[in-house]
Amino acid sequence: MTIILVFFVAHWYLSLFFQTFFLHRYAAHKAFTMSPFMEKVFFVLTWIFQGSNYLSAYGYGVMHRMHHAFADTEDDPHSPTYDETIWNMMWKTKTIYSAIANRKLDVDKRFTEGVPQWEAFDKFARSWPSRIFWGAIYTFIYFQFATEWWMWLLLPIQFLMSPIHGAIINWFAHKYGYRNFEVRDTSMNFLPVDFLMMGESYHNNHHKHGSRANFGGIRWHEIDPTYLVIRLMDKVGIIHLDKSRQMRFEEIKKAA
């Protein structure tokens, strides 16, 4: 039992980390920079840890920029305001994401400029053989170590972990929580202490300061664990934070 729970929790947080760190903060918002070599490294690590539900940095980055530009309007790729259920929203998100990732949707240049692309790797990582390979590994681990019937209920979540992570924020953080900032959309900070989503649930903060690497930090209890890792990576030279951008934010915060 312990092995399955550890496997599930590790997959939850590692998959989520590369989604928020690489796909969200880097690909979509360029909250920091990295070398072309390190960018390739993080492409591969994202594939390893997202596994069967790997998301394209290009598809995610472009779609997320569209979400910020059109938040809670009819052109928003995912909004509880225009989708009746979370399942409808997830299907709409999947459809638009796939069209972008497969280059079948024409989008404005402002949404594509600077988004990292590695088409050959994306094609491989998003392929059905790749997804089946990772799914088979997950299933084998469950066959080996699952000791209770209810553990098998966790397996479908692991098959769909990345979409589930996105749906939690895109649905619940536009319906429930508190706001630090009045913005033109319904974004809220879903959790006062983000133990579950590695900083992603500070969604209202993020919609106010989209390119800021730290999603928390507005109130004393808003600790963003992903940002702590980003700070460490910056110190050892893996990535590079824009210090002037952080200083500008601190000045805005003091003035407010």
Protein backbone atom coordinates (compact mmCIF):
# COMPACT_ATOMS: atom_id res chain seq x y z
CA MET A 1 0.00 0.00 0.00
CA THR A 2 2.77 2.44 0.95
CA ILE A 3 4.54 2.02 -2.39
CA ILE A 4 1.42 2.86 -4.42
CA LEU A 5 0.63 5.94 -2.34
CA VAL A 6 4.23 7.17 -2.55
CA PHE A 7 4.21 6.56 -6.30
CA PHE A 8 0.93 8.46 -6.72
CA VAL A 9 1.98 11.44 -4.58
CA ALA A 10 5.41 11.64 -6.23
CA HIS A 11 3.83 11.58 -9.69
CA TRP A 12 1.28 14.23 -8.66
CA TYR A 13 3.90 16.73 -7.49
CA LEU A 14 6.62 16.01 -10.07
CA SER A 15 4.15 16.23 -12.96
CA LEU A 16 2.70 19.40 -11.47
CA PHE A 17 6.14 20.95 -10.92
CA PHE A 18 7.12 20.66 -14.57
CA GLN A 19 3.72 21.95 -15.63
CA THR A 20 3.94 25.07 -13.49
CA PHE A 21 7.71 25.61 -13.82
CA PHE A 22 8.37 24.80 -17.46
CA LEU A 23 5.06 25.02 -19.31
CA HIS A 24 3.42 27.83 -17.36
CA ARG A 25 6.03 30.17 -15.94
CA TYR A 26 8.65 29.64 -18.64
CA ALA A 27 6.89 28.71 -21.89
CA ALA A 28 3.81 30.90 -21.47
CA HIS A 29 5.16 33.84 -19.46
CA LYS A 30 8.97 33.88 -19.76
CA ALA A 31 9.20 34.64 -16.04
CA PHE A 32 12.88 33.62 -16.27
CA THR A 33 15.36 32.61 -18.96
CA MET A 34 17.50 29.54 -19.57
CA SER A 35 20.02 28.37 -22.15
CA PRO A 36 18.91 26.44 -25.27
CA PHE A 37 20.56 23.33 -23.82
CA MET A 38 18.69 23.59 -20.51
CA GLU A 39 15.46 24.20 -22.41
CA LYS A 40 15.95 20.84 -24.17
CA VAL A 41 16.71 19.20 -20.82
CA PHE A 42 13.43 20.46 -19.38
CA PHE A 43 11.52 19.29 -22.46
CA VAL A 44 12.80 15.78 -21.75
CA LEU A 45 12.19 15.98 -18.00
CA THR A 46 8.64 17.18 -18.62
CA TRP A 47 8.06 14.13 -20.82
CA ILE A 48 9.47 11.81 -18.16
CA PHE A 49 7.46 13.18 -15.27
CA GLN A 50 4.22 13.97 -17.09
CA GLY A 51 4.48 10.67 -18.89
CA SER A 52 1.24 9.46 -20.43
CA ASN A 53 -0.28 12.95 -20.23
CA TYR A 54 2.66 14.98 -21.58
CA LEU A 55 1.69 18.48 -22.68
CA SER A 56 3.41 20.37 -25.49
CA ALA A 57 5.16 23.54 -24.32
CA TYR A 58 4.00 25.23 -27.53
CA GLY A 59 0.38 24.10 -27.23
CA TYR A 60 0.21 24.94 -23.52
CA GLY A 61 2.07 28.24 -23.83
CA VAL A 62 -0.02 29.60 -26.69
CA MET A 63 -3.33 28.49 -25.15
CA HIS A 64 -2.44 29.97 -21.78
CA ARG A 65 -1.56 33.32 -23.33
CA MET A 66 -4.97 33.27 -24.99
CA HIS A 67 -6.55 32.57 -21.59
CA HIS A 68 -4.95 35.71 -20.12
CA ALA A 69 -5.90 37.84 -23.11
CA PHE A 70 -9.53 36.66 -23.21
CA ALA A 71 -10.14 35.61 -19.59
CA ASP A 72 -13.82 34.91 -18.89
CA THR A 73 -14.99 35.95 -22.33
CA GLU A 74 -16.36 33.82 -25.15
CA ASP A 75 -12.85 33.57 -26.62
CA ASP A 76 -11.34 32.15 -23.42
CA PRO A 77 -10.15 28.56 -24.07
CA HIS A 78 -11.43 27.56 -20.62
CA SER A 79 -13.81 29.50 -18.41
CA PRO A 80 -16.51 28.41 -15.94
CA THR A 81 -18.43 31.48 -17.08
CA TYR A 82 -19.08 29.92 -20.50
CA ASP A 83 -18.91 26.19 -19.75
CA GLU A 84 -21.78 24.54 -17.90
CA THR A 85 -19.71 21.83 -16.19
CA ILE A 86 -16.08 21.12 -15.47
CA TRP A 87 -16.27 18.21 -17.94
CA ASN A 88 -17.46 20.51 -20.74
CA MET A 89 -14.63 22.89 -19.94
CA MET A 90 -12.03 20.10 -19.96
CA TRP A 91 -13.23 18.85 -23.35
CA LYS A 92 -13.21 22.34 -24.84
CA THR A 93 -9.70 22.90 -23.44
CA LYS A 94 -8.50 19.60 -24.91
CA THR A 95 -9.97 20.44 -28.32
CA ILE A 96 -8.36 23.89 -28.51
CA TYR A 97 -5.04 22.67 -27.10
CA SER A 98 -4.85 19.84 -29.66
CA ALA A 99 -5.62 22.23 -32.52
CA ILE A 100 -2.84 24.57 -31.39
CA ALA A 101 -0.30 21.82 -30.73
CA ASN A 102 -1.03 20.23 -34.13
CA ARG A 103 -0.72 23.64 -35.86
CA LYS A 104 -4.32 23.40 -37.10
CA LEU A 105 -5.50 26.63 -35.47
CA ASP A 106 -4.39 30.02 -36.75
CA VAL A 107 -3.54 32.26 -33.80
CA ASP A 108 -2.28 35.80 -33.52
CA LYS A 109 1.50 36.20 -33.54
CA ARG A 110 1.42 37.79 -30.09
CA PHE A 111 0.43 34.40 -28.65
CA THR A 112 3.17 32.42 -30.42
CA GLU A 113 6.15 34.76 -30.27
CA GLY A 114 8.93 33.36 -28.09
CA VAL A 115 7.07 30.21 -27.05
CA PRO A 116 9.61 27.34 -26.99
CA GLN A 117 9.23 24.80 -29.78
CA TRP A 118 10.83 21.40 -30.37
CA GLU A 119 8.50 19.94 -32.97
CA ALA A 120 10.27 16.61 -33.50
CA PHE A 121 10.37 15.86 -29.78
CA ASP A 122 6.80 17.03 -29.22
CA LYS A 123 5.59 14.76 -32.00
CA PHE A 124 7.29 11.79 -30.32
CA ALA A 125 6.30 12.71 -26.74
CA ARG A 126 2.65 13.29 -27.68
CA SER A 127 2.38 10.12 -29.78
CA TRP A 128 0.20 7.19 -28.80
CA PRO A 129 3.19 4.80 -28.54
CA SER A 130 4.73 7.15 -25.95
CA ARG A 131 1.48 7.47 -24.00
CA ILE A 132 0.88 3.70 -24.08
CA PHE A 133 4.47 3.10 -22.95
CA TRP A 134 4.05 5.24 -19.83
CA GLY A 135 0.55 3.92 -19.19
CA ALA A 136 1.91 0.36 -19.28
CA ILE A 137 4.59 1.27 -16.73
CA TYR A 138 1.99 2.74 -14.37
CA THR A 139 -0.23 -0.32 -14.76
CA PHE A 140 2.69 -2.69 -14.14
CA ILE A 141 3.53 -0.87 -10.90
CA TYR A 142 -0.08 -1.25 -9.74
CA PHE A 143 -0.09 -4.96 -10.60
CA GLN A 144 3.09 -5.39 -8.58
CA PHE A 145 2.27 -3.31 -5.52
CA ALA A 146 -1.47 -2.60 -5.21
CA THR A 147 -2.79 -4.48 -2.19
CA GLU A 148 -6.31 -3.00 -1.93
CA TRP A 149 -9.02 -2.67 -4.60
CA TRP A 150 -9.46 1.05 -4.01
CA MET A 151 -5.87 1.76 -5.04
CA TRP A 152 -6.82 1.00 -8.62
CA LEU A 153 -9.10 4.05 -8.52
CA LEU A 154 -5.95 6.18 -8.47
CA LEU A 155 -4.66 4.79 -11.77
CA PRO A 156 -7.06 6.71 -14.09
CA ILE A 157 -6.00 9.91 -12.33
CA GLN A 158 -2.37 9.14 -13.19
CA PHE A 159 -3.33 8.58 -16.82
CA LEU A 160 -4.91 12.07 -16.90
CA MET A 161 -2.92 13.95 -14.30
CA SER A 162 -1.93 17.01 -16.37
CA PRO A 163 -5.50 17.80 -17.53
CA ILE A 164 -6.72 17.30 -13.97
CA HIS A 165 -4.15 19.76 -12.63
CA GLY A 166 -5.25 22.32 -15.19
CA ALA A 167 -8.95 21.78 -14.55
CA ILE A 168 -8.59 22.28 -10.79
CA ILE A 169 -7.26 25.80 -11.31
CA ASN A 170 -9.20 26.75 -14.44
CA TRP A 171 -12.51 25.78 -12.81
CA PHE A 172 -12.27 26.14 -9.03
CA ALA A 173 -9.90 29.15 -8.96
CA HIS A 174 -12.43 31.06 -11.05
CA LYS A 175 -15.30 30.20 -8.71
CA TYR A 176 -14.03 29.93 -5.13
CA GLY A 177 -11.49 31.69 -2.93
CA TYR A 178 -10.42 35.22 -2.10
CA ARG A 179 -8.99 38.14 -4.07
CA ASN A 180 -6.04 40.38 -3.38
CA PHE A 181 -6.59 42.38 -6.56
CA GLU A 182 -9.59 43.60 -8.50
CA VAL A 183 -9.01 42.41 -12.05
CA ARG A 184 -11.34 42.23 -15.05
CA ASP A 185 -11.91 38.48 -14.71
CA THR A 186 -13.14 36.10 -11.99
CA SER A 187 -9.73 34.76 -10.93
CA MET A 188 -9.34 34.02 -7.22
CA ASN A 189 -6.73 32.63 -4.87
CA PHE A 190 -8.22 29.18 -4.39
CA LEU A 191 -6.12 28.08 -1.38
CA PRO A 192 -4.78 30.36 1.37
CA VAL A 193 -1.82 27.98 1.80
CA ASP A 194 -1.07 26.15 -1.43
CA PHE A 195 -0.05 22.67 -0.25
CA LEU A 196 -1.77 21.00 -3.22
CA MET A 197 -0.96 22.95 -6.40
CA MET A 198 2.62 24.24 -5.86
CA GLY A 199 1.67 27.91 -6.12
CA GLU A 200 -0.82 27.60 -8.97
CA SER A 201 -3.82 28.25 -6.74
CA TYR A 202 -2.69 31.87 -6.14
CA HIS A 203 -4.53 32.53 -9.35
CA ASN A 204 -5.75 36.05 -8.65
CA ASN A 205 -2.20 37.15 -7.85
CA HIS A 206 -1.05 35.58 -11.10
CA HIS A 207 -3.72 37.26 -13.22
CA LYS A 208 -2.67 40.62 -11.80
CA HIS A 209 1.08 40.05 -12.35
CA GLY A 210 1.24 37.44 -15.09
CA SER A 211 4.98 37.44 -15.77
CA ARG A 212 6.04 37.39 -12.12
CA ALA A 213 7.88 34.18 -11.17
CA ASN A 214 6.48 34.18 -7.63
CA PHE A 215 2.74 33.53 -7.64
CA GLY A 216 2.48 34.04 -3.88
CA GLY A 217 4.04 36.58 -1.54
CA ILE A 218 1.25 39.14 -1.40
CA ARG A 219 0.08 38.02 2.05
CA TRP A 220 2.36 36.48 4.67
CA HIS A 221 0.81 33.02 4.32
CA GLU A 222 1.05 32.85 0.52
CA ILE A 223 4.10 30.64 0.15
CA ASP A 224 4.81 29.47 -3.40
CA PRO A 225 6.89 26.25 -3.21
CA THR A 226 7.72 26.32 -6.92
CA TYR A 227 9.22 29.78 -6.55
CA LEU A 228 11.50 28.50 -3.79
CA VAL A 229 12.87 25.94 -6.26
CA ILE A 230 13.17 28.65 -8.93
CA ARG A 231 15.22 30.79 -6.55
CA LEU A 232 17.56 27.86 -5.92
CA MET A 233 17.90 27.15 -9.64
CA ASP A 234 18.70 30.81 -10.21
CA LYS A 235 21.42 30.77 -7.55
CA VAL A 236 23.18 27.74 -9.07
CA GLY A 237 22.87 29.09 -12.62
CA ILE A 238 20.38 26.63 -14.12
CA ILE A 239 17.98 29.47 -14.94
CA HIS A 240 18.16 33.25 -14.68
CA LEU A 241 15.61 35.47 -12.98
CA ASP A 242 15.14 39.07 -14.08
CA LYS A 243 16.13 40.89 -10.89
CA SER A 244 14.93 44.28 -12.16
CA ARG A 245 11.43 42.85 -12.73
CA GLN A 246 11.32 41.60 -9.13
CA MET A 247 12.47 44.98 -7.83
CA ARG A 248 9.73 46.74 -9.81
CA PHE A 249 7.14 44.43 -8.30
CA GLU A 250 8.39 45.13 -4.76
CA GLU A 251 8.04 48.85 -5.43
CA ILE A 252 4.45 48.36 -6.70
CA LYS A 253 3.65 46.23 -3.65
CA LYS A 254 4.96 48.90 -1.25
CA ALA A 255 3.05 51.64 -3.05
CA ALA A 256 -0.16 49.61 -2.76
